[in-house]
Protein backbone atom coordinates (compact mmCIF):
# COMPACT_ATOMS: atom_id res chain seq x y z
CA UNK A 1 -4.78 29.64 -37.75
CA UNK A 2 -8.09 27.55 -37.25
CA UNK A 3 -11.22 29.04 -36.48
CA UNK A 4 -10.88 26.98 -33.18
CA UNK A 5 -7.86 28.38 -32.32
CA UNK A 6 -9.20 31.73 -32.88
CA UNK A 7 -12.01 31.35 -30.71
CA UNK A 8 -9.88 29.99 -27.93
CA UNK A 9 -7.75 33.09 -27.98
CA UNK A 10 -10.85 35.18 -27.85
CA UNK A 11 -12.21 33.35 -25.01
CA UNK A 12 -9.10 33.73 -23.03
CA UNK A 13 -9.40 37.51 -23.44
CA UNK A 14 -12.84 37.49 -22.68
CA UNK A 15 -12.40 35.59 -19.57
CA UNK A 16 -9.84 37.75 -18.25
CA UNK A 17 -12.21 40.71 -19.09
CA UNK A 18 -15.08 39.00 -17.25
CA UNK A 19 -12.88 38.43 -14.15
CA UNK A 20 -11.93 42.17 -13.94
CA UNK A 21 -15.19 43.54 -14.92
CA UNK A 22 -18.01 44.08 -12.09
CA UNK A 23 -20.89 41.56 -12.33
CA UNK A 24 -23.57 43.92 -13.41
CA UNK A 25 -24.89 43.38 -17.12
CA UNK A 26 -23.09 44.26 -20.02
CA UNK A 27 -23.75 45.77 -23.64
CA UNK A 28 -22.63 44.87 -26.85
CA UNK A 29 -22.03 46.97 -30.24
CA UNK A 30 -24.23 45.48 -32.88
CA UNK A 31 -23.97 47.59 -35.80
CA UNK A 32 -24.33 50.84 -34.02
CA UNK A 33 -27.04 49.37 -31.75
CA UNK A 34 -26.26 48.72 -28.00
CA UNK A 35 -27.46 45.48 -26.59
CA UNK A 36 -27.51 44.55 -22.99
CA UNK A 37 -26.09 41.20 -22.02
CA UNK A 38 -26.80 39.13 -19.08
CA UNK A 39 -24.71 38.48 -16.15
CA UNK A 40 -23.02 35.32 -16.64
CA UNK A 41 -21.91 34.87 -12.84
CA UNK A 42 -24.18 32.70 -10.47
CA UNK A 43 -27.26 33.75 -9.27
CA UNK A 44 -27.37 35.61 -6.06
CA UNK A 45 -29.32 34.83 -2.95
CA UNK A 46 -31.63 37.96 -2.88
CA UNK A 47 -35.17 37.75 -4.14
CA UNK A 48 -35.80 34.08 -3.06
CA UNK A 49 -35.72 31.70 0.10
CA UNK A 50 -33.05 32.26 2.16
CA UNK A 51 -30.57 29.56 1.78
CA UNK A 52 -27.71 28.96 3.80
CA UNK A 53 -24.56 26.76 2.81
CA UNK A 54 -24.57 23.56 4.11
CA UNK A 55 -22.85 23.08 7.44
CA UNK A 56 -20.08 20.38 7.89
CA UNK A 57 -20.93 17.10 9.99
CA UNK A 58 -24.00 16.06 8.33
CA UNK A 59 -26.80 13.84 9.77
CA UNK A 60 -27.38 10.24 8.78
CA UNK A 61 -30.53 8.64 8.30
CA UNK A 62 -30.15 6.73 11.59
CA UNK A 63 -29.36 10.08 13.17
CA UNK A 64 -32.65 11.60 12.26
CA UNK A 65 -34.79 8.65 12.91
CA UNK A 66 -33.51 8.65 16.25
CA UNK A 67 -34.15 12.34 16.87
CA UNK A 68 -37.97 11.71 15.47
CA UNK A 69 -38.49 9.08 17.68
CA UNK A 70 -37.63 11.42 20.64
CA UNK A 71 -39.37 14.82 19.13
CA UNK A 72 -42.09 13.89 17.04
CA UNK A 73 -45.38 14.71 18.92
CA UNK A 74 -47.69 11.91 17.33
CA UNK A 75 -45.70 9.46 18.91
CA UNK A 76 -46.27 10.99 22.09
CA UNK A 77 -49.91 11.28 21.11
CA UNK A 78 -49.82 7.51 20.32
CA UNK A 79 -48.54 6.68 23.59
CA UNK A 80 -50.92 8.86 25.40
CA UNK A 81 -53.95 6.70 23.63
CA UNK A 82 -52.39 3.50 24.99
CA UNK A 83 -52.12 5.11 28.67
CA UNK A 84 -55.99 6.36 28.31
CA UNK A 85 -57.40 3.05 27.16
CA UNK A 86 -55.47 1.45 29.75
CA UNK A 87 -57.17 3.86 32.44
CA UNK A 88 -60.51 2.65 31.03
CA UNK A 89 -59.65 -0.83 31.34
CA UNK A 90 -58.59 -0.26 35.02
CA UNK A 91 -61.67 1.52 35.78
CA UNK A 92 -64.17 -0.58 33.72
CA UNK A 93 -62.98 -3.27 36.30
CA UNK A 94 -63.40 -1.82 39.51
CA UNK A 95 -66.25 -2.76 41.75
CA UNK A 96 -68.83 0.20 42.79
CA UNK A 97 -68.19 1.71 46.32
CA UNK A 98 -70.08 1.22 49.34
CA UNK A 99 -72.82 3.46 50.73
CA UNK A 100 -72.67 4.65 54.30
CA UNK A 101 -76.05 5.49 56.14
CA UNK A 102 -77.55 6.40 59.59
CA UNK A 103 -81.00 4.62 60.66
CA UNK A 104 -83.38 5.45 62.86
CA UNK A 105 -86.61 3.36 63.25
CA UNK A 106 -90.01 3.99 64.77
CA UNK A 107 -88.92 7.64 65.43
CA UNK A 108 -91.27 9.41 67.87
CA UNK A 109 -92.20 6.14 69.65
CA UNK A 110 -93.37 7.34 73.00
CA UNK A 111 -91.49 4.66 74.98
CA UNK A 112 -88.31 4.82 72.58
CA UNK A 113 -87.75 8.53 72.62
CA UNK A 114 -85.61 9.34 69.65
CA UNK A 115 -86.58 5.98 68.04
CA UNK A 116 -86.72 2.03 68.59
CA UNK A 117 -83.53 1.34 66.62
CA UNK A 118 -80.87 3.92 66.08
CA UNK A 119 -77.65 2.96 64.33
CA UNK A 120 -75.59 3.07 61.08
CA UNK A 121 -75.44 0.52 58.22
CA UNK A 122 -72.95 -0.09 55.11
CA UNK A 123 -74.23 -1.04 51.97
CA UNK A 124 -72.69 -2.56 49.07
CA UNK A 125 -73.77 -3.55 45.74
CA UNK A 126 -72.22 -6.70 44.13
CA UNK A 127 -72.14 -6.72 40.59
CA UNK A 128 -73.31 -10.14 39.16
CA UNK A 129 -73.04 -12.02 36.13
CA UNK A 130 -69.11 -11.49 35.48
CA UNK A 131 -70.25 -7.88 34.16
CA UNK A 132 -66.98 -6.34 35.31
CA UNK A 133 -64.82 -9.02 34.07
CA UNK A 134 -65.95 -8.64 30.46
CA UNK A 135 -65.80 -5.00 30.64
CA UNK A 136 -62.33 -5.16 31.76
CA UNK A 137 -61.70 -7.48 28.80
CA UNK A 138 -63.36 -5.24 26.15
CA UNK A 139 -61.14 -2.16 27.06
CA UNK A 140 -57.89 -4.50 27.40
CA UNK A 141 -58.53 -5.41 23.86
CA UNK A 142 -58.85 -1.65 23.08
CA UNK A 143 -55.46 -1.28 24.88
CA UNK A 144 -54.01 -3.82 22.44
CA UNK A 145 -55.56 -2.03 19.49
CA UNK A 146 -54.02 1.36 20.74
CA UNK A 147 -50.57 -0.52 20.87
CA UNK A 148 -50.99 -1.43 17.37
CA UNK A 149 -51.95 1.96 16.43
CA UNK A 150 -48.58 3.37 18.01
CA UNK A 151 -46.83 0.93 16.21
CA UNK A 152 -48.34 2.07 12.97
CA UNK A 153 -47.58 5.73 13.91
CA UNK A 154 -44.19 4.63 14.51
CA UNK A 155 -43.56 3.24 10.74
CA UNK A 156 -45.51 6.25 9.58
CA UNK A 157 -42.68 8.62 11.16
CA UNK A 158 -39.66 6.56 10.44
CA UNK A 159 -40.89 6.10 6.55
CA UNK A 160 -41.48 9.94 6.17
CA UNK A 161 -38.16 10.65 7.80
CA UNK A 162 -36.37 8.19 5.37
CA UNK A 163 -38.24 9.47 2.23
CA UNK A 164 -37.73 13.13 3.11
CA UNK A 165 -34.06 12.18 3.66
CA UNK A 166 -33.88 10.81 0.13
CA UNK A 167 -35.83 13.91 -1.11
CA UNK A 168 -33.23 16.07 0.38
CA UNK A 169 -30.30 14.07 -1.01
CA UNK A 170 -31.85 14.11 -4.53
CA UNK A 171 -32.53 17.86 -4.42
CA UNK A 172 -28.99 18.47 -3.37
CA UNK A 173 -27.80 16.33 -6.34
CA UNK A 174 -30.03 18.30 -8.66
CA UNK A 175 -28.52 21.69 -7.40
CA UNK A 176 -25.27 20.43 -8.17
CA UNK A 177 -26.05 19.20 -11.86
CA UNK A 178 -28.12 22.57 -12.23
CA UNK A 179 -25.00 24.57 -11.45
CA UNK A 180 -22.74 22.45 -13.62
CA UNK A 181 -25.51 23.16 -16.52
CA UNK A 182 -25.17 26.68 -15.61
CA UNK A 183 -21.38 26.97 -16.14
CA UNK A 184 -22.16 25.06 -19.54
CA UNK A 185 -24.55 27.67 -20.66
CA UNK A 186 -21.88 30.50 -19.45
CA UNK A 187 -19.76 28.79 -22.09
CA UNK A 188 -22.58 28.66 -24.79
CA UNK A 189 -23.05 32.28 -24.01
CA UNK A 190 -19.30 33.34 -24.40
CA UNK A 191 -18.75 31.11 -27.38
CA UNK A 192 -21.80 33.01 -29.19
CA UNK A 193 -20.39 36.36 -28.13
CA UNK A 194 -17.07 35.52 -29.88
CA UNK A 195 -18.86 34.22 -32.83
CA UNK A 196 -20.70 37.20 -33.23
CA UNK A 197 -17.54 39.57 -32.66
CA UNK A 198 -15.82 37.28 -35.79
CA UNK A 199 -18.97 37.68 -37.80
CA UNK A 200 -19.94 33.74 -37.56
CA UNK A 201 -22.97 34.28 -35.42
CA UNK A 202 -26.05 36.57 -35.99
CA UNK A 203 -28.39 38.73 -33.72
CA UNK A 204 -30.94 35.96 -33.11
CA UNK A 205 -28.25 33.50 -31.92
CA UNK A 206 -26.94 36.35 -29.38
CA UNK A 207 -30.40 36.95 -28.22
CA UNK A 208 -31.04 32.94 -27.75
CA UNK A 209 -27.97 32.52 -25.71
CA UNK A 210 -29.11 35.55 -23.41
CA UNK A 211 -32.50 33.87 -22.74
CA UNK A 212 -30.82 30.47 -22.27
CA UNK A 213 -28.30 31.74 -19.37
CA UNK A 214 -31.26 33.41 -17.98
CA UNK A 215 -33.49 30.41 -17.93
CA UNK A 216 -30.81 28.24 -16.44
CA UNK A 217 -30.09 30.93 -13.70
CA UNK A 218 -33.83 30.47 -12.76
CA UNK A 219 -33.35 26.82 -12.77
CA UNK A 220 -30.68 27.09 -10.16
CA UNK A 221 -32.56 29.19 -8.10
CA UNK A 222 -35.51 26.66 -8.39
CA UNK A 223 -33.25 23.73 -7.31
CA UNK A 224 -32.08 25.47 -4.31
CA UNK A 225 -35.49 26.57 -3.31
CA UNK A 226 -36.53 22.94 -3.64
CA UNK A 227 -33.69 21.78 -1.56
CA UNK A 228 -34.38 24.32 1.04
CA UNK A 229 -38.14 23.04 1.23
CA UNK A 230 -37.09 19.43 1.65
CA UNK A 231 -34.80 20.10 4.41
CA UNK A 232 -37.41 22.29 6.24
CA UNK A 233 -39.99 19.07 5.74
CA UNK A 234 -37.12 16.86 6.88
CA UNK A 235 -36.20 18.87 10.05
CA UNK A 236 -40.16 19.31 10.95
CA UNK A 237 -40.63 15.39 10.89
CA UNK A 238 -37.38 14.99 12.89
CA UNK A 239 -38.55 17.92 15.42
CA UNK A 240 -35.50 19.94 15.15
CA UNK A 241 -35.07 23.35 14.06
CA UNK A 242 -31.58 23.66 12.21
CA UNK A 243 -29.91 25.42 9.28
CA UNK A 244 -29.34 23.43 6.11
CA UNK A 245 -26.34 21.20 6.39
CA UNK A 246 -25.42 18.46 4.04
CA UNK A 247 -26.53 14.98 4.33
CA UNK A 248 -24.32 12.12 4.93
CA UNK A 249 -25.77 9.34 2.84
CA UNK A 250 -26.15 8.29 -0.68
CA UNK A 251 -29.21 7.61 -3.09
CA UNK A 252 -27.21 4.47 -4.86
CA UNK A 253 -26.71 2.25 -1.50
CA UNK A 254 -28.27 -1.05 -2.50
CA UNK A 255 -31.73 -2.17 -1.38
CA UNK A 256 -33.01 -5.64 -0.86
CA UNK A 257 -35.11 -7.11 -3.77
CA UNK A 258 -38.50 -6.99 -2.94
CA UNK A 259 -41.14 -9.45 -4.36
CA UNK A 260 -44.83 -8.53 -4.51
CA UNK A 261 -46.26 -11.92 -3.15
CA UNK A 262 -43.99 -12.21 -0.16
CA UNK A 263 -44.67 -8.67 0.74
CA UNK A 264 -48.34 -9.23 0.52
CA UNK A 265 -48.21 -12.16 2.80
CA UNK A 266 -46.15 -10.26 5.26
CA UNK A 267 -48.45 -7.17 5.09
CA UNK A 268 -51.53 -9.40 5.87
CA UNK A 269 -49.62 -10.91 8.41
CA UNK A 270 -47.90 -8.40 10.36
CA UNK A 271 -49.65 -5.12 9.16
CA UNK A 272 -50.12 -2.69 12.41
CA UNK A 273 -53.39 -1.16 10.51
CA UNK A 274 -54.66 -4.88 10.24
CA UNK A 275 -53.71 -5.68 13.80
CA UNK A 276 -55.56 -2.62 14.86
CA UNK A 277 -58.63 -3.51 13.13
CA UNK A 278 -58.54 -7.15 14.50
CA UNK A 279 -58.19 -5.89 18.26
CA UNK A 280 -61.14 -3.83 17.77
CA UNK A 281 -63.10 -6.49 16.32
CA UNK A 282 -62.14 -8.69 19.39
CA UNK A 283 -63.35 -5.43 21.59
CA UNK A 284 -66.53 -5.53 19.81
CA UNK A 285 -66.96 -9.48 20.51
CA UNK A 286 -66.67 -8.78 23.96
CA UNK A 287 -69.02 -5.97 24.00
CA UNK A 288 -71.76 -8.02 22.70
CA UNK A 289 -70.88 -10.68 25.42
CA UNK A 290 -70.89 -7.96 27.87
CA UNK A 291 -74.42 -6.37 27.04
CA UNK A 292 -76.00 -9.59 27.16
CA UNK A 293 -75.11 -9.96 30.71
CA UNK A 294 -76.22 -6.58 31.67
CA UNK A 295 -79.69 -7.69 32.34
CA UNK A 296 -78.46 -10.03 34.96
CA UNK A 297 -79.39 -8.32 38.51
CA UNK A 298 -77.20 -7.19 40.82
CA UNK A 299 -77.22 -7.96 44.57
CA UNK A 300 -77.32 -5.12 47.59
CA UNK A 301 -76.44 -6.17 50.81
CA UNK A 302 -76.59 -3.71 53.78
CA UNK A 303 -76.40 -4.11 57.39
CA UNK A 304 -74.97 -2.56 60.73
CA UNK A 305 -75.21 -2.35 64.55
CA UNK A 306 -77.20 -0.25 66.46
CA UNK A 307 -79.04 0.36 69.86
CA UNK A 308 -82.31 -0.65 70.48
CA UNK A 309 -84.01 1.59 73.09
CA UNK A 310 -87.06 -0.78 73.79
CA UNK A 311 -85.08 -3.51 75.08
CA UNK A 312 -82.41 -1.52 75.85
CA UNK A 313 -79.54 -3.66 73.81
CA UNK A 314 -77.40 -3.55 71.14
CA UNK A 315 -78.72 -5.35 68.08
CA UNK A 316 -77.72 -5.82 64.26
CA UNK A 317 -79.55 -5.32 61.16
CA UNK A 318 -79.09 -6.70 57.84
CA UNK A 319 -80.62 -6.38 54.39
CA UNK A 320 -80.51 -7.97 51.01
CA UNK A 321 -81.98 -7.15 47.92
CA UNK A 322 -81.66 -7.80 43.87
CA UNK A 323 -82.00 -4.86 41.76
CA UNK A 324 -82.95 -4.14 38.33
CA UNK A 325 -85.04 -7.34 37.62
CA UNK A 326 -85.34 -7.74 33.71
CA UNK A 327 -89.02 -7.67 33.28
CA UNK A 328 -89.27 -5.01 30.40
CA UNK A 329 -85.69 -3.70 29.76
CA UNK A 330 -83.71 -6.33 29.14
CA UNK A 331 -80.98 -4.47 27.37
CA UNK A 332 -82.26 -5.28 24.05
CA UNK A 333 -81.69 -2.04 22.28
CA UNK A 334 -78.17 -2.00 23.40
CA UNK A 335 -77.47 -5.45 22.43
CA UNK A 336 -78.73 -4.75 18.84
CA UNK A 337 -76.21 -1.99 18.81
CA UNK A 338 -73.50 -3.87 20.02
CA UNK A 339 -74.25 -6.86 17.43
CA UNK A 340 -74.54 -3.86 14.70
CA UNK A 341 -71.04 -2.48 15.50
CA UNK A 342 -69.71 -6.13 15.47
CA UNK A 343 -71.06 -6.56 12.01
CA UNK A 344 -69.71 -3.32 10.96
CA UNK A 345 -66.13 -4.17 12.46
CA UNK A 346 -66.05 -7.40 10.55
CA UNK A 347 -66.22 -5.59 7.57
CA UNK A 348 -63.84 -2.85 8.49
CA UNK A 349 -61.35 -6.03 8.91
CA UNK A 350 -62.00 -6.82 5.21
CA UNK A 351 -61.89 -3.50 4.00
CA UNK A 352 -58.28 -2.80 5.59
CA UNK A 353 -57.12 -6.22 3.96
CA UNK A 354 -58.57 -4.86 0.15
CA UNK A 355 -57.32 -1.39 0.83
CA UNK A 356 -53.60 -2.74 1.75
CA UNK A 357 -53.75 -5.05 -1.54
CA UNK A 358 -54.69 -1.85 -3.59
CA UNK A 359 -52.05 0.52 -1.81
CA UNK A 360 -49.72 -2.31 -2.51
CA UNK A 361 -50.15 -2.60 -5.86
CA UNK A 362 -49.93 1.03 -6.55
CA UNK A 363 -46.54 1.33 -4.72
CA UNK A 364 -45.02 -1.82 -6.18
CA UNK A 365 -45.77 -0.72 -9.64
CA UNK A 366 -43.75 2.46 -8.88
CA UNK A 367 -40.89 0.66 -7.12
CA UNK A 368 -40.69 -2.13 -10.13
CA UNK A 369 -40.96 0.56 -12.85
CA UNK A 370 -38.14 2.89 -11.17
CA UNK A 371 -36.00 -0.23 -10.40
CA UNK A 372 -36.07 -1.09 -13.83
CA UNK A 373 -35.24 2.59 -15.00
CA UNK A 374 -32.52 2.91 -12.59
CA UNK A 375 -30.79 -0.17 -13.98
CA UNK A 376 -31.35 1.03 -17.48
CA UNK A 377 -29.80 4.61 -16.82
CA UNK A 378 -27.16 3.18 -14.78
CA UNK A 379 -25.85 0.39 -17.17
CA UNK A 380 -26.80 2.10 -20.63
CA UNK A 381 -28.40 5.51 -20.93
CA UNK A 382 -26.04 7.48 -18.72
CA UNK A 383 -22.74 6.02 -19.90
CA UNK A 384 -23.72 5.91 -23.41
CA UNK A 385 -24.54 9.70 -23.16
CA UNK A 386 -21.29 10.41 -21.56
CA UNK A 387 -19.58 8.77 -24.42
CA UNK A 388 -21.41 10.48 -27.13
CA UNK A 389 -20.52 13.92 -25.34
CA UNK A 390 -16.90 12.74 -25.05
CA UNK A 391 -16.89 11.81 -28.86
CA UNK A 392 -18.37 15.32 -29.58
CA UNK A 393 -15.68 16.86 -27.58
CA UNK A 394 -13.11 14.96 -29.28
CA UNK A 395 -14.56 15.62 -32.77
CA UNK A 396 -14.38 19.48 -31.63
CA UNK A 397 -10.83 19.18 -31.08
CA UNK A 398 -10.35 17.62 -34.35
CA UNK A 399 -12.34 20.60 -35.86
CA UNK A 400 -14.95 18.36 -37.32
CA UNK A 401 -17.81 19.71 -35.50
CA UNK A 402 -18.87 22.91 -33.81
CA UNK A 403 -18.93 24.05 -30.40
CA UNK A 404 -22.99 24.44 -30.21
CA UNK A 405 -23.16 20.87 -30.90
CA UNK A 406 -20.76 19.76 -28.17
CA UNK A 407 -22.63 22.02 -25.67
CA UNK A 408 -26.19 20.49 -27.03
CA UNK A 409 -24.42 16.92 -26.41
CA UNK A 410 -23.29 17.99 -22.94
CA UNK A 411 -26.72 19.19 -22.23
CA UNK A 412 -28.03 15.71 -23.14
CA UNK A 413 -25.60 13.95 -20.83
CA UNK A 414 -26.67 16.26 -17.66
CA UNK A 415 -30.35 15.85 -18.52
CA UNK A 416 -29.99 11.84 -18.53
CA UNK A 417 -28.10 12.35 -14.89
CA UNK A 418 -31.12 14.21 -13.62
CA UNK A 419 -33.75 11.52 -14.93
CA UNK A 420 -31.38 9.13 -13.10
CA UNK A 421 -31.65 11.06 -10.04
CA UNK A 422 -35.19 10.92 -10.25
CA UNK A 423 -35.66 7.38 -10.91
CA UNK A 424 -33.16 6.75 -7.98
CA UNK A 425 -35.53 8.82 -5.81
CA UNK A 426 -38.51 7.05 -6.65
CA UNK A 427 -36.67 3.57 -6.41
CA UNK A 428 -35.67 4.61 -2.58
CA UNK A 429 -38.95 6.34 -1.56
CA UNK A 430 -41.27 3.15 -2.87
CA UNK A 431 -38.60 0.71 -1.25
CA UNK A 432 -38.86 2.49 2.10
CA UNK A 433 -42.69 2.30 2.01
CA UNK A 434 -42.90 -1.32 0.95
CA UNK A 435 -40.40 -2.12 4.07
CA UNK A 436 -42.55 -0.22 6.46
CA UNK A 437 -45.75 -1.65 5.70
CA UNK A 438 -46.71 1.20 3.11
CA UNK A 439 -47.57 3.83 5.83
CA UNK A 440 -46.99 7.41 5.63
CA UNK A 441 -48.22 10.69 7.61
CA UNK A 442 -45.63 11.23 10.11
CA UNK A 443 -47.04 14.63 10.96
CA UNK A 444 -50.85 13.21 11.03
CA UNK A 445 -52.34 12.88 14.75
CA UNK A 446 -53.37 9.38 15.58
CA UNK A 447 -57.30 9.11 15.28
CA UNK A 448 -57.91 7.09 18.77
CA UNK A 449 -59.14 3.28 18.62
CA UNK A 450 -62.85 4.25 19.18
CA UNK A 451 -64.73 4.61 15.74
CA UNK A 452 -68.03 6.11 15.57
CA UNK A 453 -70.91 4.23 16.41
CA UNK A 454 -69.15 2.18 19.38
CA UNK A 455 -70.79 2.32 22.92
CA UNK A 456 -68.98 4.00 25.57
CA UNK A 457 -70.86 4.09 28.72
CA UNK A 458 -70.19 6.66 31.24
CA UNK A 459 -69.03 7.48 34.05
CA UNK A 460 -68.54 3.72 34.87
CA UNK A 461 -67.04 2.23 31.26
CA UNK A 462 -68.69 -0.86 30.49
């Protein structure tokens, strides 16, 4: 009988023995010395992050993005920023309220008793020079900047949900592969034990197989922990609290071809970050115009009816005055500050453009590299690795190679599949960023549209 047939027979007996035996560690008699053998069964859940089996009815990517658009608090904050800026624009355009006062003239006059003229007046300040108009326009520009900021936050959330979705899919595939590798390692462990029993393996090989099976068990545990971590990140971005359930999607769905130059052109034309910077620049231009009008005096009108006690008749008084004549304070300092803000914001627009180009270069390099690797692994490396493994397996059946060589070939095949998944993930992640204006940070709050140094007068915004 060939050695291979002997091993098959022993393997069958050992498998029956393992099936009937408890899952605790075993021991082998090695020349009178007892050696503990590891438990070849899959790892238990205790001692690591609680991992629940997948529930049926998994989410699709559009499902999770819809949940995120409803639940993610940063989107609520971004909308609140818009409402706040709208409130400032409304307040900045409102005229001042009138003043009402009592008037009594020549009080104590002997012939007039309590006063010559007794009555009331209403006083209204008229804002001149279009100051209210420019104040309102300035804050309306900030409203548009807040809208661009909310648009950017929307892409951040959607991109992060998409990336977390792909990470969870990849982690799920890695768990499946690591479990397959564990089964392969168990086969190797069993074969080594059989060879030792028939005198064709030494103690060193037995110890090595014990180490290999324990290391692979740890890899399975690590892969499951990573899957749980990515699931928690995904549900946090979507704003839901649910136990793990298998996702409905694939890493191998095709992506559109992305060209660097066309992506850069679109980024510079439609990027929400650049749109926000340009609207802030528009607000600063209006601020300079507004502050140049600040020295224009306002007109104060007042008047009202009363009773002239000397002439015993009703009369009307009226008064007009001009406030804040620009003799010494012509708003020079504030105009200088507004012009400095305008200069700073012009540089900020350029800075955002350069930053976008830099980030695009980094993400696009990751994208094109991952795409090239995905194509090579899909068309050549993984198929060739599988054929090599199948040929080694056929050679073993013909008794032309040994079983450890087959297992080594099998492990190389699994390793290539893991690399394929990792490059698929990098390809999908970078593609999502390129299609979503390279925006990430779905759980970072929007910062608001007023950078440090800008003028914000209170209580009347101007």
